[in-house]
Amino acid sequence: MKDAEKDIAAMQDEEEFEDVIVFTDDDGNEHAFYEEQQFVAGKNTYAVLVGLPEDACACGEEECHCHEHNEDEETAILAKIEFDKDGTPVYVEPNEKEFAEARAAYEALEED
């Protein structure tokens, strides 16, 4: 098991974040998120993924490289949920039309 995978498993065991989702960007940097909410827009299901707060990291390193930390504001992204052939959820970037539909549905939820 890679060190980053061990760190994420430790976060899952020790913290309130049951499902940690890790994305790797084009530069090879890992970004860890937890699923805050799911909602339906049109025929698709979407998730609001929120970046893990700095104090949730269990790596023990003084300068953490497990995921990016943004001290000024919380990072959140909208992801479309699809399922692979085994039925495992896969988070994908929605296209522009899907994103607009999902954003409108999410904003309507927030107004309630």
PDB file of N, CA and C in Angstrom:
ATOM      1  N   MET A   1       0.854  -1.183   0.000  1.00  0.00           N
ATOM      2  CA  MET A   1       0.000   0.000   0.000  1.00  0.00           C
ATOM      3  C   MET A   1       0.892   1.235   0.000  1.00  0.00           C
ATOM      4  N   LYS A   2       0.615   2.199  -0.864  1.00  0.00           N
ATOM      5  CA  LYS A   2       1.384   3.434  -0.941  1.00  0.00           C
ATOM      6  C   LYS A   2       1.201   4.243   0.333  1.00  0.00           C
ATOM      7  N   ASP A   3       2.173   5.129   0.634  1.00  0.00           N
ATOM      8  CA  ASP A   3       2.084   5.972   1.824  1.00  0.00           C
ATOM      9  C   ASP A   3       0.824   6.827   1.809  1.00  0.00           C
ATOM     10  N   ALA A   4       0.494   7.410   0.666  1.00  0.00           N
ATOM     11  CA  ALA A   4      -0.698   8.255   0.582  1.00  0.00           C
ATOM     12  C   ALA A   4      -1.954   7.437   0.861  1.00  0.00           C
ATOM     13  N   GLU A   5      -1.996   6.178   0.397  1.00  0.00           N
ATOM     14  CA  GLU A   5      -3.150   5.323   0.654  1.00  0.00           C
ATOM     15  C   GLU A   5      -3.252   5.009   2.140  1.00  0.00           C
ATOM     16  N   LYS A   6      -2.105   4.790   2.808  1.00  0.00           N
ATOM     17  CA  LYS A   6      -2.104   4.555   4.251  1.00  0.00           C
ATOM     18  C   LYS A   6      -2.619   5.786   4.985  1.00  0.00           C
ATOM     19  N   ASP A   7      -2.174   6.964   4.555  1.00  0.00           N
ATOM     20  CA  ASP A   7      -2.615   8.206   5.184  1.00  0.00           C
ATOM     21  C   ASP A   7      -4.121   8.385   5.052  1.00  0.00           C
ATOM     22  N   ILE A   8      -4.652   8.085   3.882  1.00  0.00           N
ATOM     23  CA  ILE A   8      -6.092   8.221   3.652  1.00  0.00           C
ATOM     24  C   ILE A   8      -6.851   7.205   4.487  1.00  0.00           C
ATOM     25  N   ALA A   9      -6.348   5.979   4.571  1.00  0.00           N
ATOM     26  CA  ALA A   9      -6.994   4.962   5.400  1.00  0.00           C
ATOM     27  C   ALA A   9      -6.998   5.404   6.858  1.00  0.00           C
ATOM     28  N   ALA A  10      -5.919   6.023   7.309  1.00  0.00           N
ATOM     29  CA  ALA A  10      -5.857   6.523   8.685  1.00  0.00           C
ATOM     30  C   ALA A  10      -6.888   7.624   8.900  1.00  0.00           C
ATOM     31  N   MET A  11      -7.051   8.513   7.919  1.00  0.00           N
ATOM     32  CA  MET A  11      -8.062   9.566   8.026  1.00  0.00           C
ATOM     33  C   MET A  11      -9.447   8.964   8.144  1.00  0.00           C
ATOM     34  N   GLN A  12      -9.691   7.930   7.369  1.00  0.00           N
ATOM     35  CA  GLN A  12     -11.006   7.307   7.393  1.00  0.00           C
ATOM     36  C   GLN A  12     -11.262   6.649   8.746  1.00  0.00           C
ATOM     37  N   ASP A  13     -10.231   6.050   9.354  1.00  0.00           N
ATOM     38  CA  ASP A  13     -10.387   5.394  10.647  1.00  0.00           C
ATOM     39  C   ASP A  13     -10.521   6.388  11.795  1.00  0.00           C
ATOM     40  N   GLU A  14      -9.757   7.474  11.752  1.00  0.00           N
ATOM     41  CA  GLU A  14      -9.666   8.385  12.873  1.00  0.00           C
ATOM     42  C   GLU A  14     -10.603   9.575  12.797  1.00  0.00           C
ATOM     43  N   GLU A  15     -11.042   9.936  11.627  1.00  0.00           N
ATOM     44  CA  GLU A  15     -11.832  11.139  11.462  1.00  0.00           C
ATOM     45  C   GLU A  15     -13.260  10.816  11.075  1.00  0.00           C
ATOM     46  N   GLU A  16     -14.064  11.856  10.941  1.00  0.00           N
ATOM     47  CA  GLU A  16     -15.459  11.690  10.588  1.00  0.00           C
ATOM     48  C   GLU A  16     -15.666  11.453   9.097  1.00  0.00           C
ATOM     49  N   PHE A  17     -14.632  11.476   8.301  1.00  0.00           N
ATOM     50  CA  PHE A  17     -14.755  11.339   6.861  1.00  0.00           C
ATOM     51  C   PHE A  17     -14.723   9.864   6.485  1.00  0.00           C
ATOM     52  N   GLU A  18     -15.893   9.317   6.168  1.00  0.00           N
ATOM     53  CA  GLU A  18     -15.981   7.893   5.863  1.00  0.00           C
ATOM     54  C   GLU A  18     -15.410   7.578   4.487  1.00  0.00           C
ATOM     55  N   ASP A  19     -15.753   8.364   3.505  1.00  0.00           N
ATOM     56  CA  ASP A  19     -15.314   8.105   2.142  1.00  0.00           C
ATOM     57  C   ASP A  19     -14.464   9.260   1.659  1.00  0.00           C
ATOM     58  N   VAL A  20     -13.183   9.011   1.552  1.00  0.00           N
ATOM     59  CA  VAL A  20     -12.271  10.029   1.046  1.00  0.00           C
ATOM     60  C   VAL A  20     -12.063   9.755  -0.434  1.00  0.00           C
ATOM     61  N   ILE A  21     -12.311  10.781  -1.249  1.00  0.00           N
ATOM     62  CA  ILE A  21     -12.146  10.669  -2.688  1.00  0.00           C
ATOM     63  C   ILE A  21     -10.875  11.428  -3.048  1.00  0.00           C
ATOM     64  N   VAL A  22      -9.988  10.786  -3.771  1.00  0.00           N
ATOM     65  CA  VAL A  22      -8.719  11.409  -4.131  1.00  0.00           C
ATOM     66  C   VAL A  22      -8.641  11.548  -5.645  1.00  0.00           C
ATOM     67  N   PHE A  23      -8.376  12.767  -6.089  1.00  0.00           N
ATOM     68  CA  PHE A  23      -8.168  13.047  -7.500  1.00  0.00           C
ATOM     69  C   PHE A  23      -6.703  13.418  -7.694  1.00  0.00           C
ATOM     70  N   THR A  24      -6.145  12.998  -8.796  1.00  0.00           N
ATOM     71  CA  THR A  24      -4.782  13.376  -9.133  1.00  0.00           C
ATOM     72  C   THR A  24      -4.844  14.313 -10.329  1.00  0.00           C
ATOM     73  N   ASP A  25      -4.245  15.508 -10.183  1.00  0.00           N
ATOM     74  CA  ASP A  25      -4.297  16.483 -11.268  1.00  0.00           C
ATOM     75  C   ASP A  25      -3.231  16.170 -12.317  1.00  0.00           C
ATOM     76  N   ASP A  26      -3.193  16.986 -13.349  1.00  0.00           N
ATOM     77  CA  ASP A  26      -2.265  16.768 -14.463  1.00  0.00           C
ATOM     78  C   ASP A  26      -0.797  16.833 -14.040  1.00  0.00           C
ATOM     79  N   ASP A  27      -0.517  17.513 -12.906  1.00  0.00           N
ATOM     80  CA  ASP A  27       0.852  17.633 -12.421  1.00  0.00           C
ATOM     81  C   ASP A  27       1.227  16.511 -11.450  1.00  0.00           C
ATOM     82  N   GLY A  28       0.290  15.579 -11.205  1.00  0.00           N
ATOM     83  CA  GLY A  28       0.565  14.473 -10.294  1.00  0.00           C
ATOM     84  C   GLY A  28       0.259  14.769  -8.835  1.00  0.00           C
ATOM     85  N   ASN A  29      -0.299  15.950  -8.542  1.00  0.00           N
ATOM     86  CA  ASN A  29      -0.652  16.298  -7.170  1.00  0.00           C
ATOM     87  C   ASN A  29      -1.987  15.657  -6.799  1.00  0.00           C
ATOM     88  N   GLU A  30      -2.057  15.095  -5.592  1.00  0.00           N
ATOM     89  CA  GLU A  30      -3.296  14.497  -5.126  1.00  0.00           C
ATOM     90  C   GLU A  30      -4.111  15.528  -4.365  1.00  0.00           C
ATOM     91  N   HIS A  31      -5.424  15.478  -4.574  1.00  0.00           N
ATOM     92  CA  HIS A  31      -6.359  16.375  -3.899  1.00  0.00           C
ATOM     93  C   HIS A  31      -7.429  15.503  -3.254  1.00  0.00           C
ATOM     94  N   ALA A  32      -7.568  15.607  -1.931  1.00  0.00           N
ATOM     95  CA  ALA A  32      -8.502  14.758  -1.195  1.00  0.00           C
ATOM     96  C   ALA A  32      -9.781  15.527  -0.889  1.00  0.00           C
ATOM     97  N   PHE A  33     -10.906  14.856  -1.081  1.00  0.00           N
ATOM     98  CA  PHE A  33     -12.220  15.436  -0.856  1.00  0.00           C
ATOM     99  C   PHE A  33     -13.088  14.440  -0.087  1.00  0.00           C
ATOM    100  N   TYR A  34     -14.138  14.956   0.553  1.00  0.00           N
ATOM    101  CA  TYR A  34     -15.172  14.082   1.081  1.00  0.00           C
ATOM    102  C   TYR A  34     -16.491  14.502   0.467  1.00  0.00           C
ATOM    103  N   GLU A  35     -17.398  13.554   0.359  1.00  0.00           N
ATOM    104  CA  GLU A  35     -18.697  13.828  -0.252  1.00  0.00           C
ATOM    105  C   GLU A  35     -19.611  14.433   0.804  1.00  0.00           C
ATOM    106  N   GLU A  36     -19.986  15.668   0.586  1.00  0.00           N
ATOM    107  CA  GLU A  36     -20.843  16.361   1.539  1.00  0.00           C
ATOM    108  C   GLU A  36     -22.326  16.098   1.267  1.00  0.00           C
ATOM    109  N   GLN A  37     -22.683  16.017  -0.020  1.00  0.00           N
ATOM    110  CA  GLN A  37     -24.086  15.902  -0.366  1.00  0.00           C
ATOM    111  C   GLN A  37     -24.244  15.328  -1.762  1.00  0.00           C
ATOM    112  N   GLN A  38     -25.330  14.579  -1.957  1.00  0.00           N
ATOM    113  CA  GLN A  38     -25.721  14.123  -3.293  1.00  0.00           C
ATOM    114  C   GLN A  38     -27.078  14.724  -3.606  1.00  0.00           C
ATOM    115  N   PHE A  39     -27.322  14.982  -4.884  1.00  0.00           N
ATOM    116  CA  PHE A  39     -28.622  15.476  -5.325  1.00  0.00           C
ATOM    117  C   PHE A  39     -28.816  15.102  -6.780  1.00  0.00           C
ATOM    118  N   VAL A  40     -30.083  15.130  -7.200  1.00  0.00           N
ATOM    119  CA  VAL A  40     -30.434  14.775  -8.569  1.00  0.00           C
ATOM    120  C   VAL A  40     -30.782  16.031  -9.338  1.00  0.00           C
ATOM    121  N   ALA A  41     -30.287  16.116 -10.562  1.00  0.00           N
ATOM    122  CA  ALA A  41     -30.627  17.207 -11.478  1.00  0.00           C
ATOM    123  C   ALA A  41     -30.852  16.568 -12.838  1.00  0.00           C
ATOM    124  N   GLY A  42     -32.072  16.702 -13.345  1.00  0.00           N
ATOM    125  CA  GLY A  42     -32.396  16.034 -14.604  1.00  0.00           C
ATOM    126  C   GLY A  42     -32.343  14.535 -14.401  1.00  0.00           C
ATOM    127  N   LYS A  43     -31.619  13.852 -15.267  1.00  0.00           N
ATOM    128  CA  LYS A  43     -31.502  12.396 -15.174  1.00  0.00           C
ATOM    129  C   LYS A  43     -30.217  11.945 -14.470  1.00  0.00           C
ATOM    130  N   ASN A  44     -29.441  12.888 -13.976  1.00  0.00           N
ATOM    131  CA  ASN A  44     -28.145  12.565 -13.394  1.00  0.00           C
ATOM    132  C   ASN A  44     -28.111  12.822 -11.895  1.00  0.00           C
ATOM    133  N   THR A  45     -27.220  12.103 -11.228  1.00  0.00           N
ATOM    134  CA  THR A  45     -26.953  12.331  -9.811  1.00  0.00           C
ATOM    135  C   THR A  45     -25.601  13.026  -9.708  1.00  0.00           C
ATOM    136  N   TYR A  46     -25.547  14.020  -8.837  1.00  0.00           N
ATOM    137  CA  TYR A  46     -24.330  14.807  -8.641  1.00  0.00           C
ATOM    138  C   TYR A  46     -23.928  14.777  -7.179  1.00  0.00           C
ATOM    139  N   ALA A  47     -22.679  15.097  -6.936  1.00  0.00           N
ATOM    140  CA  ALA A  47     -22.173  15.174  -5.572  1.00  0.00           C
ATOM    141  C   ALA A  47     -21.458  16.499  -5.381  1.00  0.00           C
ATOM    142  N   VAL A  48     -21.606  17.045  -4.195  1.00  0.00           N
ATOM    143  CA  VAL A  48     -20.810  18.194  -3.781  1.00  0.00           C
ATOM    144  C   VAL A  48     -19.630  17.598  -3.013  1.00  0.00           C
ATOM    145  N   LEU A  49     -18.441  17.789  -3.547  1.00  0.00           N
ATOM    146  CA  LEU A  49     -17.227  17.276  -2.931  1.00  0.00           C
ATOM    147  C   LEU A  49     -16.467  18.439  -2.318  1.00  0.00           C
ATOM    148  N   VAL A  50     -16.145  18.310  -1.039  1.00  0.00           N
ATOM    149  CA  VAL A  50     -15.479  19.382  -0.309  1.00  0.00           C
ATOM    150  C   VAL A  50     -14.067  18.935   0.047  1.00  0.00           C
ATOM    151  N   GLY A  51     -13.106  19.829  -0.188  1.00  0.00           N
ATOM    152  CA  GLY A  51     -11.716  19.530   0.140  1.00  0.00           C
ATOM    153  C   GLY A  51     -11.549  19.289   1.625  1.00  0.00           C
ATOM    154  N   LEU A  52     -10.722  18.301   1.960  1.00  0.00           N
ATOM    155  CA  LEU A  52     -10.489  18.000   3.367  1.00  0.00           C
ATOM    156  C   LEU A  52      -9.793  19.166   4.049  1.00  0.00           C
ATOM    157  N   PRO A  53     -10.234  19.512   5.240  1.00  0.00           N
ATOM    158  CA  PRO A  53      -9.555  20.588   5.969  1.00  0.00           C
ATOM    159  C   PRO A  53      -8.167  20.139   6.406  1.00  0.00           C
ATOM    160  N   GLU A  54      -7.287  21.102   6.569  1.00  0.00           N
ATOM    161  CA  GLU A  54      -5.895  20.807   6.890  1.00  0.00           C
ATOM    162  C   GLU A  54      -5.761  19.983   8.155  1.00  0.00           C
ATOM    163  N   ASP A  55      -6.591  20.258   9.163  1.00  0.00           N
ATOM    164  CA  ASP A  55      -6.452  19.538  10.425  1.00  0.00           C
ATOM    165  C   ASP A  55      -6.981  18.107  10.359  1.00  0.00           C
ATOM    166  N   ALA A  56      -7.571  17.711   9.233  1.00  0.00           N
ATOM    167  CA  ALA A  56      -8.072  16.346   9.080  1.00  0.00           C
ATOM    168  C   ALA A  56      -7.005  15.407   8.550  1.00  0.00           C
ATOM    169  N   CYS A  57      -5.895  15.940   8.130  1.00  0.00           N
ATOM    170  CA  CYS A  57      -4.852  15.110   7.551  1.00  0.00           C
ATOM    171  C   CYS A  57      -4.129  14.345   8.660  1.00  0.00           C
ATOM    172  N   ALA A  58      -3.975  13.057   8.454  1.00  0.00           N
ATOM    173  CA  ALA A  58      -3.369  12.199   9.463  1.00  0.00           C
ATOM    174  C   ALA A  58      -1.962  11.749   9.088  1.00  0.00           C
ATOM    175  N   CYS A  59      -1.333  12.441   8.145  1.00  0.00           N
ATOM    176  CA  CYS A  59      -0.037  11.972   7.667  1.00  0.00           C
ATOM    177  C   CYS A  59       1.076  12.212   8.678  1.00  0.00           C
ATOM    178  N   GLY A  60       0.924  13.212   9.545  1.00  0.00           N
ATOM    179  CA  GLY A  60       1.935  13.482  10.543  1.00  0.00           C
ATOM    180  C   GLY A  60       3.127  14.263  10.036  1.00  0.00           C
ATOM    181  N   GLU A  61       3.104  14.658   8.783  1.00  0.00           N
ATOM    182  CA  GLU A  61       4.219  15.429   8.239  1.00  0.00           C
ATOM    183  C   GLU A  61       4.039  16.904   8.560  1.00  0.00           C
ATOM    184  N   GLU A  62       5.145  17.570   8.856  1.00  0.00           N
ATOM    185  CA  GLU A  62       5.076  19.005   9.138  1.00  0.00           C
ATOM    186  C   GLU A  62       4.595  19.772   7.917  1.00  0.00           C
ATOM    187  N   GLU A  63       5.124  19.418   6.749  1.00  0.00           N
ATOM    188  CA  GLU A  63       4.668  20.013   5.496  1.00  0.00           C
ATOM    189  C   GLU A  63       3.953  18.931   4.712  1.00  0.00           C
ATOM    190  N   CYS A  64       2.640  18.905   4.836  1.00  0.00           N
ATOM    191  CA  CYS A  64       1.833  17.842   4.243  1.00  0.00           C
ATOM    192  C   CYS A  64       1.820  17.951   2.723  1.00  0.00           C
ATOM    193  N   HIS A  65       1.999  16.818   2.074  1.00  0.00           N
ATOM    194  CA  HIS A  65       1.916  16.751   0.619  1.00  0.00           C
ATOM    195  C   HIS A  65       0.841  15.760   0.184  1.00  0.00           C
ATOM    196  N   CYS A  66      -0.009  15.347   1.120  1.00  0.00           N
ATOM    197  CA  CYS A  66      -1.057  14.367   0.803  1.00  0.00           C
ATOM    198  C   CYS A  66      -2.115  14.973  -0.102  1.00  0.00           C
ATOM    199  N   HIS A  67      -2.419  16.208   0.147  1.00  0.00           N
ATOM    200  CA  HIS A  67      -3.432  16.901  -0.641  1.00  0.00           C
ATOM    201  C   HIS A  67      -3.212  18.390  -0.486  1.00  0.00           C
ATOM    202  N   GLU A  68      -3.818  19.147  -1.366  1.00  0.00           N
ATOM    203  CA  GLU A  68      -3.655  20.586  -1.324  1.00  0.00           C
ATOM    204  C   GLU A  68      -4.527  21.180  -0.228  1.00  0.00           C
ATOM    205  N   HIS A  69      -3.979  22.097   0.521  1.00  0.00           N
ATOM    206  CA  HIS A  69      -4.725  22.792   1.568  1.00  0.00           C
ATOM    207  C   HIS A  69      -4.926  24.239   1.147  1.00  0.00           C
ATOM    208  N   ASN A  70      -6.111  24.729   1.315  1.00  0.00           N
ATOM    209  CA  ASN A  70      -6.400  26.128   1.035  1.00  0.00           C
ATOM    210  C   ASN A  70      -6.874  26.747   2.334  1.00  0.00           C
ATOM    211  N   GLU A  71      -6.008  27.516   2.988  1.00  0.00           N
ATOM    212  CA  GLU A  71      -6.333  28.072   4.294  1.00  0.00           C
ATOM    213  C   GLU A  71      -7.358  29.187   4.222  1.00  0.00           C
ATOM    214  N   ASP A  72      -7.489  29.865   3.088  1.00  0.00           N
ATOM    215  CA  ASP A  72      -8.371  31.010   2.992  1.00  0.00           C
ATOM    216  C   ASP A  72      -9.839  30.628   2.821  1.00  0.00           C
ATOM    217  N   GLU A  73     -10.106  29.562   2.100  1.00  0.00           N
ATOM    218  CA  GLU A  73     -11.484  29.180   1.854  1.00  0.00           C
ATOM    219  C   GLU A  73     -11.579  27.687   1.594  1.00  0.00           C
ATOM    220  N   GLU A  74     -12.768  27.166   1.814  1.00  0.00           N
ATOM    221  CA  GLU A  74     -13.023  25.766   1.568  1.00  0.00           C
ATOM    222  C   GLU A  74     -13.159  25.528   0.064  1.00  0.00           C
ATOM    223  N   THR A  75     -12.559  24.473  -0.426  1.00  0.00           N
ATOM    224  CA  THR A  75     -12.661  24.131  -1.828  1.00  0.00           C
ATOM    225  C   THR A  75     -13.798  23.131  -2.004  1.00  0.00           C
ATOM    226  N   ALA A  76     -14.703  23.423  -2.924  1.00  0.00           N
ATOM    227  CA  ALA A  76     -15.797  22.494  -3.216  1.00  0.00           C
ATOM    228  C   ALA A  76     -15.938  22.382  -4.727  1.00  0.00           C
ATOM    229  N   ILE A  77     -16.269  21.180  -5.167  1.00  0.00           N
ATOM    230  CA  ILE A  77     -16.491  20.958  -6.590  1.00  0.00           C
ATOM    231  C   ILE A  77     -17.787  20.173  -6.773  1.00  0.00           C
ATOM    232  N   LEU A  78     -18.377  20.335  -7.938  1.00  0.00           N
ATOM    233  CA  LEU A  78     -19.553  19.556  -8.335  1.00  0.00           C
ATOM    234  C   LEU A  78     -19.075  18.442  -9.247  1.00  0.00           C
ATOM    235  N   ALA A  79     -19.453  17.216  -8.940  1.00  0.00           N
ATOM    236  CA  ALA A  79     -19.063  16.083  -9.775  1.00  0.00           C
ATOM    237  C   ALA A  79     -20.295  15.256 -10.123  1.00  0.00           C
ATOM    238  N   LYS A  80     -20.320  14.768 -11.333  1.00  0.00           N
ATOM    239  CA  LYS A  80     -21.386  13.867 -11.770  1.00  0.00           C
ATOM    240  C   LYS A  80     -21.000  12.461 -11.322  1.00  0.00           C
ATOM    241  N   ILE A  81     -21.986  11.715 -10.833  1.00  0.00           N
ATOM    242  CA  ILE A  81     -21.719  10.354 -10.386  1.00  0.00           C
ATOM    243  C   ILE A  81     -22.172   9.380 -11.468  1.00  0.00           C
ATOM    244  N   GLU A  82     -21.229   8.582 -11.915  1.00  0.00           N
ATOM    245  CA  GLU A  82     -21.515   7.496 -12.846  1.00  0.00           C
ATOM    246  C   GLU A  82     -21.074   6.211 -12.154  1.00  0.00           C
ATOM    247  N   PHE A  83     -21.362   5.077 -12.743  1.00  0.00           N
ATOM    248  CA  PHE A  83     -20.991   3.806 -12.132  1.00  0.00           C
ATOM    249  C   PHE A  83     -20.219   2.963 -13.130  1.00  0.00           C
ATOM    250  N   ASP A  84     -19.151   2.315 -12.648  1.00  0.00           N
ATOM    251  CA  ASP A  84     -18.386   1.441 -13.531  1.00  0.00           C
ATOM    252  C   ASP A  84     -19.103   0.102 -13.675  1.00  0.00           C
ATOM    253  N   LYS A  85     -18.512  -0.816 -14.390  1.00  0.00           N
ATOM    254  CA  LYS A  85     -19.167  -2.096 -14.681  1.00  0.00           C
ATOM    255  C   LYS A  85     -19.424  -2.928 -13.422  1.00  0.00           C
ATOM    256  N   ASP A  86     -18.686  -2.645 -12.339  1.00  0.00           N
ATOM    257  CA  ASP A  86     -18.882  -3.359 -11.071  1.00  0.00           C
ATOM    258  C   ASP A  86     -19.875  -2.653 -10.146  1.00  0.00           C
ATOM    259  N   GLY A  87     -20.411  -1.524 -10.610  1.00  0.00           N
ATOM    260  CA  GLY A  87     -21.362  -0.773  -9.794  1.00  0.00           C
ATOM    261  C   GLY A  87     -20.721   0.187  -8.805  1.00  0.00           C
ATOM    262  N   THR A  88     -19.431   0.389  -8.937  1.00  0.00           N
ATOM    263  CA  THR A  88     -18.716   1.320  -8.064  1.00  0.00           C
ATOM    264  C   THR A  88     -18.896   2.740  -8.578  1.00  0.00           C
ATOM    265  N   PRO A  89     -19.242   3.683  -7.670  1.00  0.00           N
ATOM    266  CA  PRO A  89     -19.405   5.063  -8.135  1.00  0.00           C
ATOM    267  C   PRO A  89     -18.089   5.656  -8.635  1.00  0.00           C
ATOM    268  N   VAL A  90     -18.205   6.405  -9.725  1.00  0.00           N
ATOM    269  CA  VAL A  90     -17.064   7.096 -10.309  1.00  0.00           C
ATOM    270  C   VAL A  90     -17.463   8.560 -10.441  1.00  0.00           C
ATOM    271  N   TYR A  91     -16.638   9.448  -9.934  1.00  0.00           N
ATOM    272  CA  TYR A  91     -16.917  10.882  -9.992  1.00  0.00           C
ATOM    273  C   TYR A  91     -16.264  11.458 -11.238  1.00  0.00           C
ATOM    274  N   VAL A  92     -17.076  12.093 -12.077  1.00  0.00           N
ATOM    275  CA  VAL A  92     -16.558  12.652 -13.323  1.00  0.00           C
ATOM    276  C   VAL A  92     -16.958  14.125 -13.427  1.00  0.00           C
ATOM    277  N   GLU A  93     -16.198  14.833 -14.237  1.00  0.00           N
ATOM    278  CA  GLU A  93     -16.489  16.244 -14.472  1.00  0.00           C
ATOM    279  C   GLU A  93     -17.681  16.359 -15.422  1.00  0.00           C
ATOM    280  N   PRO A  94     -18.709  17.101 -15.025  1.00  0.00           N
ATOM    281  CA  PRO A  94     -19.851  17.273 -15.927  1.00  0.00           C
ATOM    282  C   PRO A  94     -19.488  18.185 -17.089  1.00  0.00           C
ATOM    283  N   ASN A  95     -20.180  18.007 -18.230  1.00  0.00           N
ATOM    284  CA  ASN A  95     -19.960  18.939 -19.333  1.00  0.00           C
ATOM    285  C   ASN A  95     -20.634  20.269 -18.985  1.00  0.00           C
ATOM    286  N   GLU A  96     -20.477  21.263 -19.835  1.00  0.00           N
ATOM    287  CA  GLU A  96     -20.999  22.605 -19.525  1.00  0.00           C
ATOM    288  C   GLU A  96     -22.501  22.607 -19.283  1.00  0.00           C
ATOM    289  N   LYS A  97     -23.248  21.916 -20.132  1.00  0.00           N
ATOM    290  CA  LYS A  97     -24.708  21.863 -19.985  1.00  0.00           C
ATOM    291  C   LYS A  97     -25.101  21.171 -18.677  1.00  0.00           C
ATOM    292  N   GLU A  98     -24.458  20.039 -18.376  1.00  0.00           N
ATOM    293  CA  GLU A  98     -24.739  19.314 -17.138  1.00  0.00           C
ATOM    294  C   GLU A  98     -24.379  20.162 -15.917  1.00  0.00           C
ATOM    295  N   PHE A  99     -23.248  20.855 -15.994  1.00  0.00           N
ATOM    296  CA  PHE A  99     -22.824  21.692 -14.876  1.00  0.00           C
ATOM    297  C   PHE A  99     -23.847  22.792 -14.611  1.00  0.00           C
ATOM    298  N   ALA A 100     -24.312  23.446 -15.659  1.00  0.00           N
ATOM    299  CA  ALA A 100     -25.303  24.517 -15.499  1.00  0.00           C
ATOM    300  C   ALA A 100     -26.583  23.968 -14.869  1.00  0.00           C
ATOM    301  N   GLU A 101     -27.018  22.812 -15.324  1.00  0.00           N
ATOM    302  CA  GLU A 101     -28.227  22.184 -14.776  1.00  0.00           C
ATOM    303  C   GLU A 101     -28.020  21.809 -13.307  1.00  0.00           C
ATOM    304  N   ALA A 102     -26.873  21.223 -12.993  1.00  0.00           N
ATOM    305  CA  ALA A 102     -26.568  20.818 -11.627  1.00  0.00           C
ATOM    306  C   ALA A 102     -26.447  22.029 -10.703  1.00  0.00           C
ATOM    307  N   ARG A 103     -25.796  23.066 -11.179  1.00  0.00           N
ATOM    308  CA  ARG A 103     -25.623  24.268 -10.359  1.00  0.00           C
ATOM    309  C   ARG A 103     -26.977  24.902 -10.031  1.00  0.00           C
ATOM    310  N   ALA A 104     -27.861  24.984 -11.023  1.00  0.00           N
ATOM    311  CA  ALA A 104     -29.192  25.549 -10.793  1.00  0.00           C
ATOM    312  C   ALA A 104     -29.973  24.705  -9.785  1.00  0.00           C
ATOM    313  N   ALA A 105     -29.894  23.392  -9.908  1.00  0.00           N
ATOM    314  CA  ALA A 105     -30.593  22.501  -8.975  1.00  0.00           C
ATOM    315  C   ALA A 105     -30.024  22.641  -7.565  1.00  0.00           C
ATOM    316  N   TYR A 106     -28.703  22.732  -7.455  1.00  0.00           N
ATOM    317  CA  TYR A 106     -28.067  22.882  -6.143  1.00  0.00           C
ATOM    318  C   TYR A 106     -28.452  24.212  -5.504  1.00  0.00           C
ATOM    319  N   GLU A 107     -28.430  25.266  -6.275  1.00  0.00           N
ATOM    320  CA  GLU A 107     -28.819  26.581  -5.744  1.00  0.00           C
ATOM    321  C   GLU A 107     -30.259  26.594  -5.288  1.00  0.00           C
ATOM    322  N   ALA A 108     -31.144  25.890  -6.005  1.00  0.00           N
ATOM    323  CA  ALA A 108     -32.543  25.782  -5.590  1.00  0.00           C
ATOM    324  C   ALA A 108     -32.662  25.032  -4.267  1.00  0.00           C
ATOM    325  N   LEU A 109     -31.841  24.003  -4.073  1.00  0.00           N
ATOM    326  CA  LEU A 109     -31.829  23.270  -2.803  1.00  0.00           C
ATOM    327  C   LEU A 109     -31.394  24.162  -1.655  1.00  0.00           C
ATOM    328  N   GLU A 110     -30.398  24.983  -1.908  1.00  0.00           N
ATOM    329  CA  GLU A 110     -29.854  25.862  -0.885  1.00  0.00           C
ATOM    330  C   GLU A 110     -30.844  26.949  -0.466  1.00  0.00           C
ATOM    331  N   GLU A 111     -31.745  27.315  -1.373  1.00  0.00           N
ATOM    332  CA  GLU A 111     -32.721  28.353  -1.067  1.00  0.00           C
ATOM    333  C   GLU A 111     -33.832  27.839  -0.152  1.00  0.00           C
ATOM    334  N   ASP A 112     -34.066  26.538  -0.161  1.00  0.00           N
ATOM    335  CA  ASP A 112     -35.131  25.958   0.673  1.00  0.00           C
ATOM    336  C   ASP A 112     -34.826  25.981   2.132  1.00  0.00           C
TER     337      ASP A 112
END
